[in-house]
Amino acid sequence: MSTSVKGQSINIEKSKLIKIIFSFAVMLVFVLMPPIAPITPMGMDVLGVFIGTVLLLSLVDTV
């Protein structure tokens, strides 16, 4: 997939893009999901960002 912006192009593999979208979807699900009994709404947000970040660090090659 190639996106061109003012002469610059960004090449991202399709599999990597799917992993990135999946990780952000996990974050969004935790933001939209009602909190489980002992966890506050802000705690659900923090938990979603934490899990999404761990997924991004482990699934997407950052090097």
N, C-alpha and C. Protein backbone atom coordinates (compact mmCIF):
# COMPACT_ATOMS: atom_id res chain seq x y z
N MET A 1 0.85 -1.18 0.00
CA MET A 1 0.00 0.00 0.00
C MET A 1 0.89 1.23 0.00
N SER A 2 0.65 2.14 -0.89
CA SER A 2 1.48 3.33 -1.00
C SER A 2 0.60 4.57 -0.93
N THR A 3 0.97 5.48 -0.05
CA THR A 3 0.25 6.73 0.09
C THR A 3 1.20 7.87 -0.23
N SER A 4 0.78 8.77 -1.11
CA SER A 4 1.66 9.85 -1.53
C SER A 4 1.13 11.18 -1.00
N VAL A 5 1.98 11.90 -0.28
CA VAL A 5 1.63 13.21 0.24
C VAL A 5 2.75 14.18 -0.13
N LYS A 6 2.47 15.10 -1.03
CA LYS A 6 3.44 16.12 -1.45
C LYS A 6 4.80 15.52 -1.82
N GLY A 7 4.80 14.50 -2.65
CA GLY A 7 6.05 13.93 -3.10
C GLY A 7 6.63 12.86 -2.21
N GLN A 8 6.10 12.67 -1.01
CA GLN A 8 6.61 11.64 -0.11
C GLN A 8 5.70 10.42 -0.20
N SER A 9 6.28 9.25 -0.10
CA SER A 9 5.46 8.05 -0.12
C SER A 9 5.76 7.20 1.11
N ILE A 10 4.73 6.57 1.60
CA ILE A 10 4.84 5.70 2.76
C ILE A 10 4.44 4.31 2.31
N ASN A 11 5.33 3.36 2.46
CA ASN A 11 5.03 1.97 2.09
C ASN A 11 4.87 1.15 3.36
N ILE A 12 3.66 0.62 3.55
CA ILE A 12 3.37 -0.22 4.70
C ILE A 12 2.85 -1.55 4.19
N GLU A 13 3.42 -2.63 4.70
CA GLU A 13 2.94 -3.96 4.33
C GLU A 13 1.51 -4.13 4.79
N LYS A 14 0.74 -4.86 4.02
CA LYS A 14 -0.68 -5.05 4.33
C LYS A 14 -0.87 -5.78 5.66
N SER A 15 -0.04 -6.79 5.95
CA SER A 15 -0.17 -7.54 7.20
C SER A 15 0.14 -6.65 8.41
N LYS A 16 1.14 -5.77 8.27
CA LYS A 16 1.48 -4.87 9.36
C LYS A 16 0.36 -3.86 9.60
N LEU A 17 -0.25 -3.38 8.52
CA LEU A 17 -1.36 -2.43 8.64
C LEU A 17 -2.55 -3.07 9.34
N ILE A 18 -2.83 -4.33 9.04
CA ILE A 18 -3.93 -5.05 9.70
C ILE A 18 -3.65 -5.19 11.19
N LYS A 19 -2.41 -5.48 11.57
CA LYS A 19 -2.05 -5.61 12.98
C LYS A 19 -2.20 -4.27 13.72
N ILE A 20 -1.84 -3.19 13.06
CA ILE A 20 -1.97 -1.86 13.67
C ILE A 20 -3.44 -1.52 13.88
N ILE A 21 -4.26 -1.77 12.86
CA ILE A 21 -5.70 -1.49 12.97
C ILE A 21 -6.33 -2.36 14.05
N PHE A 22 -5.92 -3.63 14.14
CA PHE A 22 -6.44 -4.52 15.18
C PHE A 22 -6.09 -4.00 16.58
N SER A 23 -4.87 -3.53 16.76
CA SER A 23 -4.45 -3.03 18.08
C SER A 23 -5.25 -1.79 18.47
N PHE A 24 -5.47 -0.88 17.52
CA PHE A 24 -6.28 0.30 17.82
C PHE A 24 -7.74 -0.07 18.06
N ALA A 25 -8.23 -1.11 17.39
CA ALA A 25 -9.60 -1.58 17.62
C ALA A 25 -9.75 -2.13 19.04
N VAL A 26 -8.73 -2.83 19.53
CA VAL A 26 -8.76 -3.33 20.91
C VAL A 26 -8.84 -2.16 21.88
N MET A 27 -8.05 -1.11 21.63
CA MET A 27 -8.11 0.08 22.49
C MET A 27 -9.51 0.69 22.47
N LEU A 28 -10.11 0.79 21.28
CA LEU A 28 -11.44 1.38 21.16
C LEU A 28 -12.50 0.55 21.86
N VAL A 29 -12.38 -0.77 21.78
CA VAL A 29 -13.35 -1.65 22.45
C VAL A 29 -13.32 -1.42 23.95
N PHE A 30 -12.13 -1.29 24.53
CA PHE A 30 -12.03 -1.07 25.97
C PHE A 30 -12.59 0.30 26.37
N VAL A 31 -12.48 1.29 25.49
CA VAL A 31 -13.04 2.61 25.80
C VAL A 31 -14.57 2.57 25.76
N LEU A 32 -15.13 1.81 24.82
CA LEU A 32 -16.57 1.77 24.65
C LEU A 32 -17.27 0.75 25.55
N MET A 33 -16.54 -0.23 26.05
CA MET A 33 -17.12 -1.28 26.87
C MET A 33 -17.48 -0.75 28.27
N PRO A 34 -18.63 -1.16 28.81
CA PRO A 34 -18.95 -0.73 30.18
C PRO A 34 -17.98 -1.38 31.17
N PRO A 35 -17.63 -0.66 32.23
CA PRO A 35 -16.63 -1.19 33.17
C PRO A 35 -17.12 -2.43 33.91
N ILE A 36 -16.18 -3.33 34.17
CA ILE A 36 -16.46 -4.54 34.94
C ILE A 36 -16.43 -4.15 36.42
N ALA A 37 -17.16 -4.84 37.26
CA ALA A 37 -17.47 -4.49 38.64
C ALA A 37 -16.42 -3.68 39.41
N PRO A 38 -15.23 -4.17 39.71
CA PRO A 38 -14.35 -3.35 40.56
C PRO A 38 -13.55 -2.29 39.81
N ILE A 39 -13.65 -2.26 38.47
CA ILE A 39 -12.83 -1.34 37.67
C ILE A 39 -13.65 -0.10 37.32
N THR A 40 -13.06 1.07 37.47
CA THR A 40 -13.73 2.33 37.13
C THR A 40 -13.66 2.56 35.61
N PRO A 41 -14.47 3.49 35.08
CA PRO A 41 -14.39 3.79 33.65
C PRO A 41 -13.00 4.25 33.22
N MET A 42 -12.34 5.05 34.04
CA MET A 42 -10.99 5.49 33.69
C MET A 42 -10.02 4.31 33.72
N GLY A 43 -10.24 3.37 34.64
CA GLY A 43 -9.42 2.17 34.70
C GLY A 43 -9.57 1.33 33.45
N MET A 44 -10.78 1.27 32.88
CA MET A 44 -10.99 0.54 31.63
C MET A 44 -10.22 1.20 30.48
N ASP A 45 -10.22 2.54 30.47
CA ASP A 45 -9.46 3.26 29.44
C ASP A 45 -7.97 2.95 29.55
N VAL A 46 -7.45 3.00 30.77
CA VAL A 46 -6.03 2.73 30.99
C VAL A 46 -5.69 1.29 30.62
N LEU A 47 -6.57 0.36 30.98
CA LEU A 47 -6.35 -1.04 30.65
C LEU A 47 -6.34 -1.25 29.13
N GLY A 48 -7.25 -0.59 28.42
CA GLY A 48 -7.30 -0.71 26.97
C GLY A 48 -6.05 -0.16 26.31
N VAL A 49 -5.57 0.99 26.78
CA VAL A 49 -4.34 1.57 26.21
C VAL A 49 -3.15 0.67 26.52
N PHE A 50 -3.11 0.11 27.72
CA PHE A 50 -2.00 -0.77 28.08
C PHE A 50 -1.98 -2.01 27.19
N ILE A 51 -3.13 -2.68 27.05
CA ILE A 51 -3.19 -3.90 26.24
C ILE A 51 -2.90 -3.57 24.77
N GLY A 52 -3.45 -2.47 24.26
CA GLY A 52 -3.18 -2.07 22.88
C GLY A 52 -1.72 -1.77 22.64
N THR A 53 -1.07 -1.12 23.60
CA THR A 53 0.35 -0.81 23.47
C THR A 53 1.19 -2.07 23.49
N VAL A 54 0.86 -3.01 24.36
CA VAL A 54 1.59 -4.28 24.40
C VAL A 54 1.42 -5.03 23.08
N LEU A 55 0.21 -5.01 22.53
CA LEU A 55 -0.01 -5.65 21.23
C LEU A 55 0.81 -4.98 20.14
N LEU A 56 0.83 -3.65 20.13
CA LEU A 56 1.60 -2.94 19.11
C LEU A 56 3.09 -3.24 19.24
N LEU A 57 3.60 -3.28 20.45
CA LEU A 57 5.03 -3.54 20.65
C LEU A 57 5.39 -4.97 20.27
N SER A 58 4.47 -5.91 20.47
CA SER A 58 4.82 -7.31 20.20
C SER A 58 4.47 -7.75 18.77
N LEU A 59 3.47 -7.15 18.15
CA LEU A 59 3.05 -7.60 16.82
C LEU A 59 3.71 -6.82 15.69
N VAL A 60 3.97 -5.54 15.91
CA VAL A 60 4.49 -4.69 14.85
C VAL A 60 5.99 -4.50 15.07
N ASP A 61 6.77 -4.80 14.05
CA ASP A 61 8.23 -4.66 14.15
C ASP A 61 8.59 -3.18 14.21
N THR A 62 9.20 -2.75 15.29
CA THR A 62 9.51 -1.32 15.46
C THR A 62 10.93 -0.97 15.02
N VAL A 63 11.72 -1.95 14.63
CA VAL A 63 13.10 -1.69 14.24
C VAL A 63 13.18 -1.39 12.75
